All heavy atoms as atom14 arrays in JSON, in Angstrom:
{
  "sequence": "QLTNTWLTRVKCHEDINTTYSYDVMNDEYSHVPIQMAETFCIDTE",
  "atom14_mask": [
    [1, 1, 1, 1, 1, 1, 1, 1, 1, 0, 0, 0, 0, 0],
    [1, 1, 1, 1, 1, 1, 1, 1, 0, 0, 0, 0, 0, 0],
    [1, 1, 1, 1, 1, 1, 1, 0, 0, 0, 0, 0, 0, 0],
    [1, 1, 1, 1, 1, 1, 1, 1, 0, 0, 0, 0, 0, 0],
    [1, 1, 1, 1, 1, 1, 1, 0, 0, 0, 0, 0, 0, 0],
    [1, 1, 1, 1, 1, 1, 1, 1, 1, 1, 1, 1, 1, 1],
    [1, 1, 1, 1, 1, 1, 1, 1, 0, 0, 0, 0, 0, 0],
    [1, 1, 1, 1, 1, 1, 1, 0, 0, 0, 0, 0, 0, 0],
    [1, 1, 1, 1, 1, 1, 1, 1, 1, 1, 1, 0, 0, 0],
    [1, 1, 1, 1, 1, 1, 1, 0, 0, 0, 0, 0, 0, 0],
    [1, 1, 1, 1, 1, 1, 1, 1, 1, 0, 0, 0, 0, 0],
    [1, 1, 1, 1, 1, 1, 0, 0, 0, 0, 0, 0, 0, 0],
    [1, 1, 1, 1, 1, 1, 1, 1, 1, 1, 0, 0, 0, 0],
    [1, 1, 1, 1, 1, 1, 1, 1, 1, 0, 0, 0, 0, 0],
    [1, 1, 1, 1, 1, 1, 1, 1, 0, 0, 0, 0, 0, 0],
    [1, 1, 1, 1, 1, 1, 1, 1, 0, 0, 0, 0, 0, 0],
    [1, 1, 1, 1, 1, 1, 1, 1, 0, 0, 0, 0, 0, 0],
    [1, 1, 1, 1, 1, 1, 1, 0, 0, 0, 0, 0, 0, 0],
    [1, 1, 1, 1, 1, 1, 1, 0, 0, 0, 0, 0, 0, 0],
    [1, 1, 1, 1, 1, 1, 1, 1, 1, 1, 1, 1, 0, 0],
    [1, 1, 1, 1, 1, 1, 0, 0, 0, 0, 0, 0, 0, 0],
    [1, 1, 1, 1, 1, 1, 1, 1, 1, 1, 1, 1, 0, 0],
    [1, 1, 1, 1, 1, 1, 1, 1, 0, 0, 0, 0, 0, 0],
    [1, 1, 1, 1, 1, 1, 1, 0, 0, 0, 0, 0, 0, 0],
    [1, 1, 1, 1, 1, 1, 1, 1, 0, 0, 0, 0, 0, 0],
    [1, 1, 1, 1, 1, 1, 1, 1, 0, 0, 0, 0, 0, 0],
    [1, 1, 1, 1, 1, 1, 1, 1, 0, 0, 0, 0, 0, 0],
    [1, 1, 1, 1, 1, 1, 1, 1, 1, 0, 0, 0, 0, 0],
    [1, 1, 1, 1, 1, 1, 1, 1, 1, 1, 1, 1, 0, 0],
    [1, 1, 1, 1, 1, 1, 0, 0, 0, 0, 0, 0, 0, 0],
    [1, 1, 1, 1, 1, 1, 1, 1, 1, 1, 0, 0, 0, 0],
    [1, 1, 1, 1, 1, 1, 1, 0, 0, 0, 0, 0, 0, 0],
    [1, 1, 1, 1, 1, 1, 1, 0, 0, 0, 0, 0, 0, 0],
    [1, 1, 1, 1, 1, 1, 1, 1, 0, 0, 0, 0, 0, 0],
    [1, 1, 1, 1, 1, 1, 1, 1, 1, 0, 0, 0, 0, 0],
    [1, 1, 1, 1, 1, 1, 1, 1, 0, 0, 0, 0, 0, 0],
    [1, 1, 1, 1, 1, 0, 0, 0, 0, 0, 0, 0, 0, 0],
    [1, 1, 1, 1, 1, 1, 1, 1, 1, 0, 0, 0, 0, 0],
    [1, 1, 1, 1, 1, 1, 1, 0, 0, 0, 0, 0, 0, 0],
    [1, 1, 1, 1, 1, 1, 1, 1, 1, 1, 1, 0, 0, 0],
    [1, 1, 1, 1, 1, 1, 0, 0, 0, 0, 0, 0, 0, 0],
    [1, 1, 1, 1, 1, 1, 1, 1, 0, 0, 0, 0, 0, 0],
    [1, 1, 1, 1, 1, 1, 1, 1, 0, 0, 0, 0, 0, 0],
    [1, 1, 1, 1, 1, 1, 1, 0, 0, 0, 0, 0, 0, 0],
    [1, 1, 1, 1, 1, 1, 1, 1, 1, 0, 0, 0, 0, 0]
  ],
  "atom14_positions": [
    [[0.82, -1.2, 0.0], [0.0, 0.0, 0.0], [0.86, 1.26, 0.0], [0.57, 2.24, -0.69], [-0.94, -0.01, 1.21], [-2.0, -1.09, 1.16], [-2.98, -0.9, 0.01], [-3.29, 0.22, -0.4], [-3.47, -2.01, -0.53], [0.0, 0.0, 0.0], [0.0, 0.0, 0.0], [0.0, 0.0, 0.0], [0.0, 0.0, 0.0], [0.0, 0.0, 0.0]],
    [[1.93, 1.25, 0.77], [2.81, 2.41, 0.83], [3.47, 2.69, -0.52], [3.52, 3.83, -0.99], [3.89, 2.19, 1.9], [3.43, 2.2, 3.35], [4.54, 1.68, 4.28], [3.02, 3.6, 3.78], [0.0, 0.0, 0.0], [0.0, 0.0, 0.0], [0.0, 0.0, 0.0], [0.0, 0.0, 0.0], [0.0, 0.0, 0.0], [0.0, 0.0, 0.0]],
    [[3.97, 1.64, -1.16], [4.69, 1.84, -2.42], [3.75, 2.13, -3.58], [4.11, 2.89, -4.49], [5.58, 0.62, -2.74], [4.78, -0.57, -2.68], [6.71, 0.5, -1.74], [0.0, 0.0, 0.0], [0.0, 0.0, 0.0], [0.0, 0.0, 0.0], [0.0, 0.0, 0.0], [0.0, 0.0, 0.0], [0.0, 0.0, 0.0], [0.0, 0.0, 0.0]],
    [[2.58, 1.53, -3.57], [1.61, 1.85, -4.62], [1.23, 3.33, -4.54], [1.12, 4.02, -5.56], [0.37, 0.98, -4.49], [-0.64, 1.27, -5.58], [-0.37, 1.0, -6.75], [-1.79, 1.81, -5.21], [0.0, 0.0, 0.0], [0.0, 0.0, 0.0], [0.0, 0.0, 0.0], [0.0, 0.0, 0.0], [0.0, 0.0, 0.0], [0.0, 0.0, 0.0]],
    [[1.04, 3.82, -3.32], [0.74, 5.24, -3.13], [1.91, 6.1, -3.59], [1.73, 7.12, -4.26], [0.44, 5.53, -1.64], [-0.72, 4.77, -1.24], [0.18, 7.01, -1.4], [0.0, 0.0, 0.0], [0.0, 0.0, 0.0], [0.0, 0.0, 0.0], [0.0, 0.0, 0.0], [0.0, 0.0, 0.0], [0.0, 0.0, 0.0], [0.0, 0.0, 0.0]],
    [[3.12, 5.68, -3.26], [4.33, 6.42, -3.66], [4.42, 6.5, -5.18], [4.6, 7.57, -5.76], [5.56, 5.73, -3.09], [6.83, 6.53, -3.21], [7.41, 7.28, -2.23], [7.69, 6.66, -4.36], [8.56, 7.87, -2.7], [8.75, 7.51, -4.0], [7.64, 6.14, -5.64], [9.77, 7.85, -4.89], [8.65, 6.48, -6.54], [9.7, 7.32, -6.16]],
    [[4.27, 5.35, -5.84], [4.39, 5.3, -7.29], [3.31, 6.14, -7.97], [3.55, 6.81, -8.98], [4.3, 3.85, -7.78], [5.5, 2.96, -7.41], [5.15, 1.49, -7.6], [6.72, 3.34, -8.25], [0.0, 0.0, 0.0], [0.0, 0.0, 0.0], [0.0, 0.0, 0.0], [0.0, 0.0, 0.0], [0.0, 0.0, 0.0], [0.0, 0.0, 0.0]],
    [[2.11, 6.13, -7.38], [1.01, 6.9, -7.95], [1.22, 8.4, -7.77], [1.03, 9.19, -8.7], [-0.32, 6.48, -7.3], [-0.52, 5.08, -7.49], [-1.49, 7.25, -7.9], [0.0, 0.0, 0.0], [0.0, 0.0, 0.0], [0.0, 0.0, 0.0], [0.0, 0.0, 0.0], [0.0, 0.0, 0.0], [0.0, 0.0, 0.0], [0.0, 0.0, 0.0]],
    [[1.62, 8.8, -6.56], [1.74, 10.22, -6.26], [2.98, 10.85, -6.9], [2.95, 11.98, -7.36], [1.78, 10.45, -4.75], [0.52, 10.04, -4.02], [0.57, 10.48, -2.57], [0.18, 11.88, -2.45], [0.5, 12.65, -1.4], [1.24, 12.16, -0.43], [0.1, 13.9, -1.35], [0.0, 0.0, 0.0], [0.0, 0.0, 0.0], [0.0, 0.0, 0.0]],
    [[4.09, 10.13, -6.89], [5.34, 10.71, -7.35], [5.44, 10.72, -8.88], [5.87, 11.7, -9.49], [6.55, 9.98, -6.74], [7.86, 10.48, -7.34], [6.56, 10.18, -5.23], [0.0, 0.0, 0.0], [0.0, 0.0, 0.0], [0.0, 0.0, 0.0], [0.0, 0.0, 0.0], [0.0, 0.0, 0.0], [0.0, 0.0, 0.0], [0.0, 0.0, 0.0]],
    [[5.04, 9.63, -9.49], [5.21, 9.54, -10.95], [3.9, 9.33, -11.7], [3.91, 9.19, -12.92], [6.18, 8.38, -11.28], [7.59, 8.6, -10.74], [8.24, 9.83, -11.36], [9.66, 10.01, -10.82], [10.3, 11.23, -11.36], [0.0, 0.0, 0.0], [0.0, 0.0, 0.0], [0.0, 0.0, 0.0], [0.0, 0.0, 0.0], [0.0, 0.0, 0.0]],
    [[2.77, 9.31, -10.97], [1.46, 9.18, -11.61], [1.38, 7.97, -12.53], [0.94, 8.07, -13.68], [1.1, 10.44, -12.39], [0.98, 11.9, -11.36], [0.0, 0.0, 0.0], [0.0, 0.0, 0.0], [0.0, 0.0, 0.0], [0.0, 0.0, 0.0], [0.0, 0.0, 0.0], [0.0, 0.0, 0.0], [0.0, 0.0, 0.0], [0.0, 0.0, 0.0]],
    [[1.82, 6.83, -12.02], [1.75, 5.6, -12.8], [0.33, 5.03, -12.71], [0.04, 4.18, -11.9], [2.75, 4.56, -12.27], [4.15, 4.88, -12.66], [5.19, 4.03, -12.41], [4.7, 5.96, -13.27], [6.33, 4.57, -12.87], [6.05, 5.72, -13.39], [0.0, 0.0, 0.0], [0.0, 0.0, 0.0], [0.0, 0.0, 0.0], [0.0, 0.0, 0.0]],
    [[-0.53, 5.48, -13.57], [-1.92, 5.06, -13.51], [-2.09, 3.57, -13.75], [-3.0, 2.95, -13.21], [-2.74, 5.85, -14.54], [-2.78, 7.35, -14.27], [-3.46, 7.71, -12.97], [-4.33, 6.93, -12.51], [-3.14, 8.76, -12.4], [0.0, 0.0, 0.0], [0.0, 0.0, 0.0], [0.0, 0.0, 0.0], [0.0, 0.0, 0.0], [0.0, 0.0, 0.0]],
    [[-1.22, 2.99, -14.57], [-1.36, 1.57, -14.88], [-1.1, 0.71, -13.64], [-1.61, -0.39, -13.51], [-0.37, 1.17, -15.99], [1.06, 1.49, -15.62], [1.31, 2.6, -15.08], [1.92, 0.65, -15.88], [0.0, 0.0, 0.0], [0.0, 0.0, 0.0], [0.0, 0.0, 0.0], [0.0, 0.0, 0.0], [0.0, 0.0, 0.0], [0.0, 0.0, 0.0]],
    [[-0.31, 1.22, -12.71], [-0.02, 0.49, -11.49], [-1.18, 0.59, -10.52], [-1.34, -0.22, -9.62], [1.27, 1.03, -10.83], [2.45, 0.8, -11.78], [1.56, 0.36, -9.51], [3.73, 1.42, -11.31], [0.0, 0.0, 0.0], [0.0, 0.0, 0.0], [0.0, 0.0, 0.0], [0.0, 0.0, 0.0], [0.0, 0.0, 0.0], [0.0, 0.0, 0.0]],
    [[-2.02, 1.58, -10.69], [-3.06, 1.87, -9.71], [-4.42, 1.28, -10.08], [-5.43, 1.69, -9.55], [-3.19, 3.4, -9.54], [-3.91, 3.77, -8.27], [-3.74, 3.12, -7.25], [-4.72, 4.82, -8.33], [0.0, 0.0, 0.0], [0.0, 0.0, 0.0], [0.0, 0.0, 0.0], [0.0, 0.0, 0.0], [0.0, 0.0, 0.0], [0.0, 0.0, 0.0]],
    [[-4.46, 0.34, -11.0], [-5.72, -0.31, -11.3], [-6.21, -1.02, -10.05], [-5.49, -1.82, -9.45], [-5.54, -1.34, -12.43], [-4.99, -0.66, -13.55], [-6.86, -1.97, -12.82], [0.0, 0.0, 0.0], [0.0, 0.0, 0.0], [0.0, 0.0, 0.0], [0.0, 0.0, 0.0], [0.0, 0.0, 0.0], [0.0, 0.0, 0.0], [0.0, 0.0, 0.0]],
    [[-7.42, -0.74, -9.61], [-7.87, -1.23, -8.31], [-9.02, -2.22, -8.42], [-9.75, -2.27, -9.4], [-8.34, -0.05, -7.42], [-9.42, 0.62, -8.08], [-7.2, 0.92, -7.18], [0.0, 0.0, 0.0], [0.0, 0.0, 0.0], [0.0, 0.0, 0.0], [0.0, 0.0, 0.0], [0.0, 0.0, 0.0], [0.0, 0.0, 0.0], [0.0, 0.0, 0.0]],
    [[-9.13, -3.0, -7.37], [-10.23, -3.94, -7.22], [-10.86, -3.69, -5.86], [-10.16, -3.51, -4.86], [-9.74, -5.39, -7.31], [-9.16, -5.73, -8.65], [-7.8, -5.53, -8.91], [-9.96, -6.22, -9.67], [-7.27, -5.82, -10.15], [-9.44, -6.51, -10.92], [-8.09, -6.31, -11.15], [-7.57, -6.6, -12.37], [0.0, 0.0, 0.0], [0.0, 0.0, 0.0]],
    [[-12.16, -3.69, -5.81], [-12.84, -3.36, -4.56], [-12.62, -4.46, -3.53], [-12.73, -5.64, -3.83], [-14.35, -3.19, -4.81], [-15.02, -2.95, -3.6], [0.0, 0.0, 0.0], [0.0, 0.0, 0.0], [0.0, 0.0, 0.0], [0.0, 0.0, 0.0], [0.0, 0.0, 0.0], [0.0, 0.0, 0.0], [0.0, 0.0, 0.0], [0.0, 0.0, 0.0]],
    [[-12.32, -4.05, -2.32], [-12.19, -4.99, -1.2], [-12.54, -4.21, 0.05], [-11.7, -3.57, 0.65], [-10.76, -5.54, -1.11], [-10.59, -6.55, 0.01], [-11.08, -7.84, -0.13], [-9.97, -6.2, 1.2], [-10.94, -8.78, 0.88], [-9.82, -7.13, 2.22], [-10.31, -8.41, 2.07], [-10.18, -9.32, 3.07], [0.0, 0.0, 0.0], [0.0, 0.0, 0.0]],
    [[-13.81, -4.23, 0.42], [-14.24, -3.37, 1.52], [-14.85, -4.14, 2.68], [-15.53, -3.59, 3.53], [-15.25, -2.32, 1.02], [-16.43, -2.98, 0.32], [-16.52, -4.22, 0.33], [-17.25, -2.23, -0.23], [0.0, 0.0, 0.0], [0.0, 0.0, 0.0], [0.0, 0.0, 0.0], [0.0, 0.0, 0.0], [0.0, 0.0, 0.0], [0.0, 0.0, 0.0]],
    [[-14.62, -5.46, 2.72], [-15.13, -6.25, 3.84], [-14.15, -6.16, 4.99], [-13.01, -6.58, 4.88], [-15.33, -7.73, 3.42], [-15.84, -8.54, 4.59], [-16.28, -7.82, 2.24], [0.0, 0.0, 0.0], [0.0, 0.0, 0.0], [0.0, 0.0, 0.0], [0.0, 0.0, 0.0], [0.0, 0.0, 0.0], [0.0, 0.0, 0.0], [0.0, 0.0, 0.0]],
    [[-14.59, -5.61, 6.12], [-13.69, -5.41, 7.25], [-13.76, -6.6, 8.19], [-14.8, -7.24, 8.36], [-14.06, -4.13, 8.0], [-13.84, -2.88, 7.18], [-14.01, -1.4, 8.16], [-12.7, -1.62, 9.35], [0.0, 0.0, 0.0], [0.0, 0.0, 0.0], [0.0, 0.0, 0.0], [0.0, 0.0, 0.0], [0.0, 0.0, 0.0], [0.0, 0.0, 0.0]],
    [[-12.67, -6.89, 8.84], [-12.62, -7.92, 9.86], [-13.5, -7.51, 11.03], [-13.4, -6.39, 11.53], [-11.15, -8.08, 10.32], [-10.97, -9.28, 11.23], [-11.78, -9.56, 12.09], [-9.86, -9.98, 11.01], [0.0, 0.0, 0.0], [0.0, 0.0, 0.0], [0.0, 0.0, 0.0], [0.0, 0.0, 0.0], [0.0, 0.0, 0.0], [0.0, 0.0, 0.0]],
    [[-14.4, -8.41, 11.45], [-15.33, -8.07, 12.53], [-14.61, -7.62, 13.79], [-15.12, -6.83, 14.57], [-16.21, -9.28, 12.86], [-17.22, -9.57, 11.75], [-17.47, -8.65, 10.96], [-17.73, -10.69, 11.7], [0.0, 0.0, 0.0], [0.0, 0.0, 0.0], [0.0, 0.0, 0.0], [0.0, 0.0, 0.0], [0.0, 0.0, 0.0], [0.0, 0.0, 0.0]],
    [[-13.39, -8.13, 13.98], [-12.63, -7.8, 15.19], [-12.32, -6.32, 15.27], [-12.15, -5.77, 16.35], [-11.33, -8.61, 15.2], [-10.51, -8.44, 16.48], [-9.24, -9.26, 16.45], [-9.07, -10.06, 15.51], [-8.42, -9.1, 17.38], [0.0, 0.0, 0.0], [0.0, 0.0, 0.0], [0.0, 0.0, 0.0], [0.0, 0.0, 0.0], [0.0, 0.0, 0.0]],
    [[-12.28, -5.63, 14.13], [-11.91, -4.22, 14.11], [-13.05, -3.33, 13.62], [-12.85, -2.15, 13.39], [-10.68, -4.03, 13.22], [-9.55, -4.93, 13.64], [-9.27, -6.09, 12.92], [-8.8, -4.67, 14.78], [-8.27, -6.94, 13.33], [-7.79, -5.52, 15.19], [-7.53, -6.66, 14.46], [-6.54, -7.51, 14.87], [0.0, 0.0, 0.0], [0.0, 0.0, 0.0]],
    [[-14.26, -3.9, 13.47], [-15.37, -3.13, 12.91], [-15.87, -2.05, 13.86], [-16.64, -1.2, 13.44], [-16.53, -4.08, 12.55], [-16.98, -4.77, 13.7], [0.0, 0.0, 0.0], [0.0, 0.0, 0.0], [0.0, 0.0, 0.0], [0.0, 0.0, 0.0], [0.0, 0.0, 0.0], [0.0, 0.0, 0.0], [0.0, 0.0, 0.0], [0.0, 0.0, 0.0]],
    [[-15.45, -2.09, 15.13], [-15.89, -1.05, 16.07], [-15.23, 0.3, 15.76], [-15.69, 1.32, 16.24], [-15.56, -1.47, 17.5], [-14.13, -1.89, 17.67], [-13.71, -3.19, 17.53], [-13.01, -1.16, 17.93], [-12.41, -3.26, 17.72], [-11.96, -2.05, 17.96], [0.0, 0.0, 0.0], [0.0, 0.0, 0.0], [0.0, 0.0, 0.0], [0.0, 0.0, 0.0]],
    [[-14.17, 0.29, 14.98], [-13.52, 1.55, 14.58], [-13.85, 1.79, 13.11], [-13.51, 0.97, 12.26], [-12.0, 1.48, 14.78], [-11.35, 2.79, 14.34], [-11.67, 1.2, 16.25], [0.0, 0.0, 0.0], [0.0, 0.0, 0.0], [0.0, 0.0, 0.0], [0.0, 0.0, 0.0], [0.0, 0.0, 0.0], [0.0, 0.0, 0.0], [0.0, 0.0, 0.0]],
    [[-14.5, 2.9, 12.79], [-14.96, 3.14, 11.41], [-13.84, 3.56, 10.46], [-13.83, 4.65, 9.9], [-15.97, 4.27, 11.59], [-15.48, 5.03, 12.78], [-14.9, 3.99, 13.7], [0.0, 0.0, 0.0], [0.0, 0.0, 0.0], [0.0, 0.0, 0.0], [0.0, 0.0, 0.0], [0.0, 0.0, 0.0], [0.0, 0.0, 0.0], [0.0, 0.0, 0.0]],
    [[-12.86, 2.7, 10.3], [-11.73, 3.0, 9.41], [-11.92, 2.25, 8.1], [-12.28, 1.06, 8.09], [-10.39, 2.64, 10.09], [-9.22, 2.98, 9.16], [-10.34, 1.19, 10.49], [-7.87, 2.83, 9.84], [0.0, 0.0, 0.0], [0.0, 0.0, 0.0], [0.0, 0.0, 0.0], [0.0, 0.0, 0.0], [0.0, 0.0, 0.0], [0.0, 0.0, 0.0]],
    [[-11.7, 2.91, 7.01], [-11.93, 2.34, 5.69], [-10.79, 1.41, 5.27], [-9.63, 1.65, 5.57], [-12.08, 3.45, 4.66], [-12.44, 2.97, 3.26], [-12.63, 4.12, 2.3], [-12.68, 5.27, 2.71], [-12.72, 3.82, 1.01], [0.0, 0.0, 0.0], [0.0, 0.0, 0.0], [0.0, 0.0, 0.0], [0.0, 0.0, 0.0], [0.0, 0.0, 0.0]],
    [[-11.16, 0.33, 4.6], [-10.17, -0.62, 4.1], [-9.58, -0.12, 2.79], [-10.3, 0.33, 1.9], [-10.83, -1.99, 3.88], [-9.89, -3.07, 3.4], [-8.81, -3.71, 4.7], [-9.98, -4.66, 5.68], [0.0, 0.0, 0.0], [0.0, 0.0, 0.0], [0.0, 0.0, 0.0], [0.0, 0.0, 0.0], [0.0, 0.0, 0.0], [0.0, 0.0, 0.0]],
    [[-8.27, -0.21, 2.65], [-7.61, 0.15, 1.39], [-7.97, -0.85, 0.31], [-8.24, -2.02, 0.59], [-6.11, 0.22, 1.59], [0.0, 0.0, 0.0], [0.0, 0.0, 0.0], [0.0, 0.0, 0.0], [0.0, 0.0, 0.0], [0.0, 0.0, 0.0], [0.0, 0.0, 0.0], [0.0, 0.0, 0.0], [0.0, 0.0, 0.0], [0.0, 0.0, 0.0]],
    [[-7.96, -0.39, -0.92], [-8.26, -1.27, -2.04], [-7.0, -2.01, -2.49], [-5.88, -1.51, -2.36], [-8.82, -0.46, -3.2], [-10.17, 0.17, -2.91], [-10.7, 0.96, -4.09], [-9.87, 1.59, -4.8], [-11.91, 0.95, -4.3], [0.0, 0.0, 0.0], [0.0, 0.0, 0.0], [0.0, 0.0, 0.0], [0.0, 0.0, 0.0], [0.0, 0.0, 0.0]],
    [[-7.21, -3.19, -3.04], [-6.09, -3.93, -3.63], [-5.87, -3.42, -5.06], [-6.64, -2.62, -5.57], [-6.37, -5.44, -3.63], [-7.56, -5.68, -4.38], [-6.53, -5.95, -2.21], [0.0, 0.0, 0.0], [0.0, 0.0, 0.0], [0.0, 0.0, 0.0], [0.0, 0.0, 0.0], [0.0, 0.0, 0.0], [0.0, 0.0, 0.0], [0.0, 0.0, 0.0]],
    [[-4.83, -3.92, -5.69], [-4.49, -3.48, -7.04], [-3.7, -4.58, -7.73], [-3.33, -5.58, -7.11], [-3.68, -2.17, -7.0], [-2.53, -2.21, -6.03], [-1.28, -2.68, -6.42], [-2.71, -1.8, -4.7], [-0.23, -2.74, -5.52], [-1.65, -1.86, -3.8], [-0.42, -2.32, -4.2], [0.0, 0.0, 0.0], [0.0, 0.0, 0.0], [0.0, 0.0, 0.0]],
    [[-3.45, -4.4, -9.0], [-2.7, -5.41, -9.75], [-1.23, -5.43, -9.32], [-0.59, -4.38, -9.24], [-2.78, -5.12, -11.25], [-4.41, -5.38, -11.96], [0.0, 0.0, 0.0], [0.0, 0.0, 0.0], [0.0, 0.0, 0.0], [0.0, 0.0, 0.0], [0.0, 0.0, 0.0], [0.0, 0.0, 0.0], [0.0, 0.0, 0.0], [0.0, 0.0, 0.0]],
    [[-0.72, -6.61, -9.06], [0.68, -6.77, -8.7], [1.49, -7.01, -9.97], [1.31, -8.02, -10.66], [0.87, -7.96, -7.73], [-0.01, -7.8, -6.5], [2.34, -8.1, -7.35], [0.32, -6.59, -5.66], [0.0, 0.0, 0.0], [0.0, 0.0, 0.0], [0.0, 0.0, 0.0], [0.0, 0.0, 0.0], [0.0, 0.0, 0.0], [0.0, 0.0, 0.0]],
    [[2.36, -6.07, -10.29], [3.15, -6.22, -11.52], [4.38, -7.08, -11.27], [4.69, -7.46, -10.13], [3.53, -4.85, -12.09], [4.28, -3.99, -11.1], [5.0, -4.55, -10.26], [4.14, -2.75, -11.16], [0.0, 0.0, 0.0], [0.0, 0.0, 0.0], [0.0, 0.0, 0.0], [0.0, 0.0, 0.0], [0.0, 0.0, 0.0], [0.0, 0.0, 0.0]],
    [[5.09, -7.37, -12.33], [6.25, -8.26, -12.25], [7.35, -7.7, -11.37], [7.98, -8.43, -10.58], [6.82, -8.51, -13.67], [5.8, -9.07, -14.49], [8.01, -9.47, -13.62], [0.0, 0.0, 0.0], [0.0, 0.0, 0.0], [0.0, 0.0, 0.0], [0.0, 0.0, 0.0], [0.0, 0.0, 0.0], [0.0, 0.0, 0.0], [0.0, 0.0, 0.0]],
    [[7.59, -6.39, -11.49], [8.64, -5.76, -10.67], [8.34, -5.9, -9.18], [9.23, -6.21, -8.37], [8.78, -4.28, -11.04], [9.35, -4.01, -12.42], [8.3, -4.06, -13.5], [7.12, -4.3, -13.18], [8.66, -3.86, -14.67], [0.0, 0.0, 0.0], [0.0, 0.0, 0.0], [0.0, 0.0, 0.0], [0.0, 0.0, 0.0], [0.0, 0.0, 0.0]]
  ]
}
């Protein structure tokens, strides 16, 4: 998540930022309304 954000913000690599929805939170932490980050395509590098 850190590096995908870095690559997107610093060099605007849109192809790296293709996302897939993943918003199901673990019940153990659902008491805190924090949003789940989305996954994305893992490239060869």
